[in-house]
């Protein structure tokens, strides 16, 4: 990606995964279980809603939806 191209904003319906490095450095990681399952880092999860700087993500598994900060998410490219 070149510097002149803007990063595409994440929005409802975007497929994402959690950026391990950004998550582990976050305050949310300190307040949560540090052994997140690998599927959150591998993706894809789908953004169901965006509120302020957080996104609600649904995984393709029988697990609850989870809220992550948008800066902890990256677009999933197949």
PDB file of N, CA and C in Angstrom:
ATOM      1  N   UNK A   1       0.848  -1.169   0.000  1.00  0.00           N
ATOM      2  CA  UNK A   1       0.000   0.000   0.000  1.00  0.00           C
ATOM      3  C   UNK A   1       0.895   1.233   0.000  1.00  0.00           C
ATOM      4  N   UNK A   2       0.578   2.194  -0.829  1.00  0.00           N
ATOM      5  CA  UNK A   2       1.390   3.409  -0.902  1.00  0.00           C
ATOM      6  C   UNK A   2       0.925   4.421   0.136  1.00  0.00           C
ATOM      7  N   UNK A   3       1.801   5.391   0.382  1.00  0.00           N
ATOM      8  CA  UNK A   3       1.477   6.424   1.372  1.00  0.00           C
ATOM      9  C   UNK A   3       0.316   7.293   0.921  1.00  0.00           C
ATOM     10  N   UNK A   4       0.116   7.429  -0.396  1.00  0.00           N
ATOM     11  CA  UNK A   4      -0.945   8.296  -0.890  1.00  0.00           C
ATOM     12  C   UNK A   4      -2.334   7.673  -0.734  1.00  0.00           C
ATOM     13  N   UNK A   5      -2.398   6.354  -0.555  1.00  0.00           N
ATOM     14  CA  UNK A   5      -3.690   5.686  -0.375  1.00  0.00           C
ATOM     15  C   UNK A   5      -4.113   5.765   1.086  1.00  0.00           C
ATOM     16  N   UNK A   6      -5.356   6.122   1.309  1.00  0.00           N
ATOM     17  CA  UNK A   6      -5.862   6.182   2.671  1.00  0.00           C
ATOM     18  C   UNK A   6      -6.315   4.806   3.110  1.00  0.00           C
ATOM     19  N   UNK A   7      -6.163   4.536   4.392  1.00  0.00           N
ATOM     20  CA  UNK A   7      -6.623   3.281   4.961  1.00  0.00           C
ATOM     21  C   UNK A   7      -8.157   3.257   4.948  1.00  0.00           C
ATOM     22  N   UNK A   8      -8.714   2.155   4.460  1.00  0.00           N
ATOM     23  CA  UNK A   8     -10.167   2.020   4.388  1.00  0.00           C
ATOM     24  C   UNK A   8     -10.729   1.888   5.802  1.00  0.00           C
ATOM     25  N   UNK A   9     -11.714   2.713   6.167  1.00  0.00           N
ATOM     26  CA  UNK A   9     -12.261   2.627   7.524  1.00  0.00           C
ATOM     27  C   UNK A   9     -13.064   1.340   7.724  1.00  0.00           C
ATOM     28  N   UNK A  10     -12.964   0.801   8.907  1.00  0.00           N
ATOM     29  CA  UNK A  10     -13.755  -0.380   9.248  1.00  0.00           C
ATOM     30  C   UNK A  10     -15.168   0.070   9.565  1.00  0.00           C
ATOM     31  N   UNK A  11     -16.141  -0.695   9.089  1.00  0.00           N
ATOM     32  CA  UNK A  11     -17.537  -0.337   9.294  1.00  0.00           C
ATOM     33  C   UNK A  11     -18.357  -1.609   9.439  1.00  0.00           C
ATOM     34  N   UNK A  12     -19.639  -1.445   9.688  1.00  0.00           N
ATOM     35  CA  UNK A  12     -20.546  -2.577   9.811  1.00  0.00           C
ATOM     36  C   UNK A  12     -20.426  -3.452   8.562  1.00  0.00           C
ATOM     37  N   UNK A  13     -20.274  -4.761   8.783  1.00  0.00           N
ATOM     38  CA  UNK A  13     -20.146  -5.700   7.677  1.00  0.00           C
ATOM     39  C   UNK A  13     -18.714  -6.019   7.295  1.00  0.00           C
ATOM     40  N   UNK A  14     -17.744  -5.234   7.778  1.00  0.00           N
ATOM     41  CA  UNK A  14     -16.338  -5.504   7.463  1.00  0.00           C
ATOM     42  C   UNK A  14     -15.899  -6.811   8.109  1.00  0.00           C
ATOM     43  N   UNK A  15     -15.058  -7.560   7.390  1.00  0.00           N
ATOM     44  CA  UNK A  15     -14.454  -8.764   7.954  1.00  0.00           C
ATOM     45  C   UNK A  15     -13.118  -8.368   8.557  1.00  0.00           C
ATOM     46  N   UNK A  16     -12.869  -8.829   9.786  1.00  0.00           N
ATOM     47  CA  UNK A  16     -11.702  -8.383  10.538  1.00  0.00           C
ATOM     48  C   UNK A  16     -11.060  -9.532  11.314  1.00  0.00           C
ATOM     49  N   UNK A  17      -9.879  -9.234  11.831  1.00  0.00           N
ATOM     50  CA  UNK A  17      -9.225 -10.071  12.829  1.00  0.00           C
ATOM     51  C   UNK A  17      -8.557  -9.132  13.828  1.00  0.00           C
ATOM     52  N   UNK A  18      -8.208  -9.664  14.995  1.00  0.00           N
ATOM     53  CA  UNK A  18      -7.582  -8.853  16.041  1.00  0.00           C
ATOM     54  C   UNK A  18      -6.075  -8.826  15.806  1.00  0.00           C
ATOM     55  N   UNK A  19      -5.508  -7.627  15.819  1.00  0.00           N
ATOM     56  CA  UNK A  19      -4.062  -7.449  15.713  1.00  0.00           C
ATOM     57  C   UNK A  19      -3.458  -7.802  17.074  1.00  0.00           C
ATOM     58  N   UNK A  20      -2.776  -8.922  17.129  1.00  0.00           N
ATOM     59  CA  UNK A  20      -2.251  -9.447  18.400  1.00  0.00           C
ATOM     60  C   UNK A  20      -1.377  -8.421  19.118  1.00  0.00           C
ATOM     61  N   UNK A  21      -0.471  -7.782  18.399  1.00  0.00           N
ATOM     62  CA  UNK A  21       0.452  -6.831  19.016  1.00  0.00           C
ATOM     63  C   UNK A  21      -0.284  -5.647  19.640  1.00  0.00           C
ATOM     64  N   UNK A  22      -1.215  -5.053  18.897  1.00  0.00           N
ATOM     65  CA  UNK A  22      -1.981  -3.918  19.429  1.00  0.00           C
ATOM     66  C   UNK A  22      -2.841  -4.334  20.613  1.00  0.00           C
ATOM     67  N   UNK A  23      -3.452  -5.504  20.540  1.00  0.00           N
ATOM     68  CA  UNK A  23      -4.301  -5.959  21.640  1.00  0.00           C
ATOM     69  C   UNK A  23      -3.476  -6.199  22.903  1.00  0.00           C
ATOM     70  N   UNK A  24      -2.355  -6.896  22.780  1.00  0.00           N
ATOM     71  CA  UNK A  24      -1.567  -7.240  23.967  1.00  0.00           C
ATOM     72  C   UNK A  24      -0.976  -6.020  24.658  1.00  0.00           C
ATOM     73  N   UNK A  25      -0.810  -4.904  23.931  1.00  0.00           N
ATOM     74  CA  UNK A  25      -0.294  -3.666  24.523  1.00  0.00           C
ATOM     75  C   UNK A  25      -1.403  -2.789  25.101  1.00  0.00           C
ATOM     76  N   UNK A  26      -2.645  -3.222  24.964  1.00  0.00           N
ATOM     77  CA  UNK A  26      -3.770  -2.370  25.363  1.00  0.00           C
ATOM     78  C   UNK A  26      -4.150  -2.562  26.829  1.00  0.00           C
ATOM     79  N   UNK A  27      -4.851  -1.569  27.345  1.00  0.00           N
ATOM     80  CA  UNK A  27      -5.352  -1.659  28.716  1.00  0.00           C
ATOM     81  C   UNK A  27      -6.448  -2.720  28.825  1.00  0.00           C
ATOM     82  N   UNK A  28      -7.169  -2.964  27.719  1.00  0.00           N
ATOM     83  CA  UNK A  28      -8.205  -3.997  27.721  1.00  0.00           C
ATOM     84  C   UNK A  28      -7.597  -5.382  27.953  1.00  0.00           C
ATOM     85  N   UNK A  29      -6.408  -5.605  27.439  1.00  0.00           N
ATOM     86  CA  UNK A  29      -5.742  -6.897  27.632  1.00  0.00           C
ATOM     87  C   UNK A  29      -5.390  -7.110  29.101  1.00  0.00           C
ATOM     88  N   UNK A  30      -5.060  -6.031  29.793  1.00  0.00           N
ATOM     89  CA  UNK A  30      -4.737  -6.144  31.219  1.00  0.00           C
ATOM     90  C   UNK A  30      -5.967  -6.485  32.044  1.00  0.00           C
ATOM     91  N   UNK A  31      -7.130  -6.066  31.574  1.00  0.00           N
ATOM     92  CA  UNK A  31      -8.370  -6.279  32.317  1.00  0.00           C
ATOM     93  C   UNK A  31      -9.092  -7.566  31.917  1.00  0.00           C
ATOM     94  N   UNK A  32      -8.560  -8.276  30.933  1.00  0.00           N
ATOM     95  CA  UNK A  32      -9.222  -9.471  30.417  1.00  0.00           C
ATOM     96  C   UNK A  32      -8.313 -10.689  30.527  1.00  0.00           C
ATOM     97  N   UNK A  33      -8.880 -11.820  30.178  1.00  0.00           N
ATOM     98  CA  UNK A  33      -8.105 -13.051  30.123  1.00  0.00           C
ATOM     99  C   UNK A  33      -7.027 -12.887  29.063  1.00  0.00           C
ATOM    100  N   UNK A  34      -5.780 -13.205  29.408  1.00  0.00           N
ATOM    101  CA  UNK A  34      -4.703 -13.019  28.439  1.00  0.00           C
ATOM    102  C   UNK A  34      -4.555 -14.192  27.474  1.00  0.00           C
ATOM    103  N   UNK A  35      -5.373 -15.211  27.625  1.00  0.00           N
ATOM    104  CA  UNK A  35      -5.331 -16.363  26.736  1.00  0.00           C
ATOM    105  C   UNK A  35      -6.523 -16.355  25.787  1.00  0.00           C
ATOM    106  N   UNK A  36      -6.564 -15.372  24.899  1.00  0.00           N
ATOM    107  CA  UNK A  36      -7.643 -15.331  23.919  1.00  0.00           C
ATOM    108  C   UNK A  36      -7.477 -16.492  22.942  1.00  0.00           C
ATOM    109  N   UNK A  37      -8.578 -17.025  22.453  1.00  0.00           N
ATOM    110  CA  UNK A  37      -8.485 -18.126  21.484  1.00  0.00           C
ATOM    111  C   UNK A  37      -7.861 -17.647  20.173  1.00  0.00           C
ATOM    112  N   UNK A  38      -7.173 -18.541  19.495  1.00  0.00           N
ATOM    113  CA  UNK A  38      -6.476 -18.190  18.252  1.00  0.00           C
ATOM    114  C   UNK A  38      -7.392 -17.664  17.165  1.00  0.00           C
ATOM    115  N   UNK A  39      -8.655 -18.100  17.145  1.00  0.00           N
ATOM    116  CA  UNK A  39      -9.522 -17.674  16.047  1.00  0.00           C
ATOM    117  C   UNK A  39      -9.717 -16.162  16.002  1.00  0.00           C
ATOM    118  N   UNK A  40      -9.597 -15.460  17.117  1.00  0.00           N
ATOM    119  CA  UNK A  40      -9.760 -14.004  17.078  1.00  0.00           C
ATOM    120  C   UNK A  40      -8.586 -13.339  16.362  1.00  0.00           C
ATOM    121  N   UNK A  41      -7.422 -13.977  16.393  1.00  0.00           N
ATOM    122  CA  UNK A  41      -6.238 -13.439  15.725  1.00  0.00           C
ATOM    123  C   UNK A  41      -6.133 -13.910  14.277  1.00  0.00           C
ATOM    124  N   UNK A  42      -6.845 -14.981  13.940  1.00  0.00           N
ATOM    125  CA  UNK A  42      -6.804 -15.529  12.586  1.00  0.00           C
ATOM    126  C   UNK A  42      -7.945 -14.992  11.726  1.00  0.00           C
ATOM    127  N   UNK A  43      -9.114 -14.767  12.347  1.00  0.00           N
ATOM    128  CA  UNK A  43     -10.266 -14.236  11.641  1.00  0.00           C
ATOM    129  C   UNK A  43     -10.915 -15.271  10.740  1.00  0.00           C
ATOM    130  N   UNK A  44     -11.907 -14.916  10.006  1.00  0.00           N
ATOM    131  CA  UNK A  44     -12.506 -13.591  10.044  1.00  0.00           C
ATOM    132  C   UNK A  44     -13.641 -13.505  11.051  1.00  0.00           C
ATOM    133  N   UNK A  45     -13.800 -12.332  11.580  1.00  0.00           N
ATOM    134  CA  UNK A  45     -14.970 -11.976  12.350  1.00  0.00           C
ATOM    135  C   UNK A  45     -15.681 -10.872  11.583  1.00  0.00           C
ATOM    136  N   UNK A  46     -16.958 -10.707  11.812  1.00  0.00           N
ATOM    137  CA  UNK A  46     -17.721  -9.669  11.109  1.00  0.00           C
ATOM    138  C   UNK A  46     -18.144  -8.587  12.089  1.00  0.00           C
ATOM    139  N   UNK A  47     -17.932  -7.346  11.705  1.00  0.00           N
ATOM    140  CA  UNK A  47     -18.365  -6.222  12.539  1.00  0.00           C
ATOM    141  C   UNK A  47     -19.874  -6.089  12.423  1.00  0.00           C
ATOM    142  N   UNK A  48     -20.546  -6.165  13.574  1.00  0.00           N
ATOM    143  CA  UNK A  48     -22.002  -6.032  13.622  1.00  0.00           C
ATOM    144  C   UNK A  48     -22.435  -4.604  13.877  1.00  0.00           C
ATOM    145  N   UNK A  49     -21.641  -3.877  14.670  1.00  0.00           N
ATOM    146  CA  UNK A  49     -21.986  -2.498  15.021  1.00  0.00           C
ATOM    147  C   UNK A  49     -20.717  -1.740  15.373  1.00  0.00           C
ATOM    148  N   UNK A  50     -20.762  -0.436  15.157  1.00  0.00           N
ATOM    149  CA  UNK A  50     -19.653   0.439  15.539  1.00  0.00           C
ATOM    150  C   UNK A  50     -20.230   1.545  16.393  1.00  0.00           C
ATOM    151  N   UNK A  51     -19.622   1.758  17.558  1.00  0.00           N
ATOM    152  CA  UNK A  51     -20.047   2.829  18.453  1.00  0.00           C
ATOM    153  C   UNK A  51     -18.794   3.517  18.964  1.00  0.00           C
ATOM    154  N   UNK A  52     -18.664   4.795  18.624  1.00  0.00           N
ATOM    155  CA  UNK A  52     -17.485   5.585  18.964  1.00  0.00           C
ATOM    156  C   UNK A  52     -16.244   4.879  18.441  1.00  0.00           C
ATOM    157  N   UNK A  53     -15.347   4.466  19.339  1.00  0.00           N
ATOM    158  CA  UNK A  53     -14.099   3.828  18.908  1.00  0.00           C
ATOM    159  C   UNK A  53     -14.115   2.316  19.122  1.00  0.00           C
ATOM    160  N   UNK A  54     -15.292   1.741  19.281  1.00  0.00           N
ATOM    161  CA  UNK A  54     -15.424   0.295  19.509  1.00  0.00           C
ATOM    162  C   UNK A  54     -16.278  -0.359  18.430  1.00  0.00           C
ATOM    163  N   UNK A  55     -15.994  -1.643  18.192  1.00  0.00           N
ATOM    164  CA  UNK A  55     -16.767  -2.419  17.225  1.00  0.00           C
ATOM    165  C   UNK A  55     -17.183  -3.738  17.866  1.00  0.00           C
ATOM    166  N   UNK A  56     -18.425  -4.119  17.630  1.00  0.00           N
ATOM    167  CA  UNK A  56     -18.938  -5.403  18.091  1.00  0.00           C
ATOM    168  C   UNK A  56     -18.657  -6.423  16.993  1.00  0.00           C
ATOM    169  N   UNK A  57     -17.943  -7.499  17.350  1.00  0.00           N
ATOM    170  CA  UNK A  57     -17.506  -8.492  16.368  1.00  0.00           C
ATOM    171  C   UNK A  57     -18.173  -9.832  16.647  1.00  0.00           C
ATOM    172  N   UNK A  58     -18.667 -10.459  15.582  1.00  0.00           N
ATOM    173  CA  UNK A  58     -19.243 -11.806  15.668  1.00  0.00           C
ATOM    174  C   UNK A  58     -18.313 -12.747  14.916  1.00  0.00           C
ATOM    175  N   UNK A  59     -17.968 -13.836  15.578  1.00  0.00           N
ATOM    176  CA  UNK A  59     -17.097 -14.851  14.979  1.00  0.00           C
ATOM    177  C   UNK A  59     -17.949 -15.956  14.379  1.00  0.00           C
ATOM    178  N   UNK A  60     -17.412 -16.668  13.449  1.00  0.00           N
ATOM    179  CA  UNK A  60     -18.131 -17.760  12.791  1.00  0.00           C
ATOM    180  C   UNK A  60     -18.038 -19.029  13.621  1.00  0.00           C
ATOM    181  N   UNK A  61     -18.396 -18.866  14.865  1.00  0.00           N
ATOM    182  CA  UNK A  61     -18.370 -19.960  15.836  1.00  0.00           C
ATOM    183  C   UNK A  61     -19.507 -19.731  16.830  1.00  0.00           C
ATOM    184  N   UNK A  62     -19.879 -20.767  17.552  1.00  0.00           N
ATOM    185  CA  UNK A  62     -20.949 -20.597  18.540  1.00  0.00           C
ATOM    186  C   UNK A  62     -20.414 -19.979  19.843  1.00  0.00           C
ATOM    187  N   UNK A  63     -19.993 -18.715  19.740  1.00  0.00           N
ATOM    188  CA  UNK A  63     -19.451 -17.983  20.895  1.00  0.00           C
ATOM    189  C   UNK A  63     -20.128 -16.614  20.952  1.00  0.00           C
ATOM    190  N   UNK A  64     -20.093 -15.954  22.097  1.00  0.00           N
ATOM    191  CA  UNK A  64     -20.712 -14.623  22.200  1.00  0.00           C
ATOM    192  C   UNK A  64     -19.976 -13.574  21.352  1.00  0.00           C
ATOM    193  N   UNK A  65     -20.710 -12.544  20.960  1.00  0.00           N
ATOM    194  CA  UNK A  65     -20.102 -11.409  20.272  1.00  0.00           C
ATOM    195  C   UNK A  65     -19.215 -10.663  21.267  1.00  0.00           C
ATOM    196  N   UNK A  66     -18.196  -9.977  20.740  1.00  0.00           N
ATOM    197  CA  UNK A  66     -17.218  -9.300  21.598  1.00  0.00           C
ATOM    198  C   UNK A  66     -16.994  -7.881  21.077  1.00  0.00           C
ATOM    199  N   UNK A  67     -16.793  -6.940  21.990  1.00  0.00           N
ATOM    200  CA  UNK A  67     -16.459  -5.568  21.631  1.00  0.00           C
ATOM    201  C   UNK A  67     -14.948  -5.372  21.703  1.00  0.00           C
ATOM    202  N   UNK A  68     -14.372  -4.816  20.638  1.00  0.00           N
ATOM    203  CA  UNK A  68     -12.947  -4.492  20.592  1.00  0.00           C
ATOM    204  C   UNK A  68     -12.807  -3.039  20.156  1.00  0.00           C
ATOM    205  N   UNK A  69     -11.702  -2.412  20.551  1.00  0.00           N
ATOM    206  CA  UNK A  69     -11.399  -1.076  20.043  1.00  0.00           C
ATOM    207  C   UNK A  69     -11.061  -1.204  18.569  1.00  0.00           C
ATOM    208  N   UNK A  70     -11.481  -0.232  17.784  1.00  0.00           N
ATOM    209  CA  UNK A  70     -11.231  -0.265  16.347  1.00  0.00           C
ATOM    210  C   UNK A  70      -9.743  -0.329  16.018  1.00  0.00           C
ATOM    211  N   UNK A  71      -8.893   0.311  16.843  1.00  0.00           N
ATOM    212  CA  UNK A  71      -7.463   0.279  16.535  1.00  0.00           C
ATOM    213  C   UNK A  71      -6.820  -1.071  16.819  1.00  0.00           C
ATOM    214  N   UNK A  72      -7.567  -1.995  17.438  1.00  0.00           N
ATOM    215  CA  UNK A  72      -7.075  -3.351  17.672  1.00  0.00           C
ATOM    216  C   UNK A  72      -7.478  -4.311  16.558  1.00  0.00           C
ATOM    217  N   UNK A  73      -8.263  -3.817  15.608  1.00  0.00           N
ATOM    218  CA  UNK A  73      -8.767  -4.654  14.522  1.00  0.00           C
ATOM    219  C   UNK A  73      -8.096  -4.304  13.207  1.00  0.00           C
ATOM    220  N   UNK A  74      -7.931  -5.312  12.369  1.00  0.00           N
ATOM    221  CA  UNK A  74      -7.417  -5.121  11.024  1.00  0.00           C
ATOM    222  C   UNK A  74      -8.345  -5.802  10.042  1.00  0.00           C
ATOM    223  N   UNK A  75      -8.397  -5.256   8.844  1.00  0.00           N
ATOM    224  CA  UNK A  75      -9.251  -5.835   7.815  1.00  0.00           C
ATOM    225  C   UNK A  75      -8.736  -7.210   7.420  1.00  0.00           C
ATOM    226  N   UNK A  76      -9.653  -8.159   7.318  1.00  0.00           N
ATOM    227  CA  UNK A  76      -9.334  -9.518   6.902  1.00  0.00           C
ATOM    228  C   UNK A  76      -9.406  -9.576   5.391  1.00  0.00           C
ATOM    229  N   UNK A  77      -8.308  -9.969   4.775  1.00  0.00           N
ATOM    230  CA  UNK A  77      -8.254 -10.093   3.321  1.00  0.00           C
ATOM    231  C   UNK A  77      -8.018 -11.562   2.997  1.00  0.00           C
ATOM    232  N   UNK A  78      -8.909 -12.133   2.184  1.00  0.00           N
ATOM    233  CA  UNK A  78      -8.842 -13.560   1.886  1.00  0.00           C
ATOM    234  C   UNK A  78      -7.727 -13.874   0.938  1.00  0.00           C
TER     235      UNK A  78
END
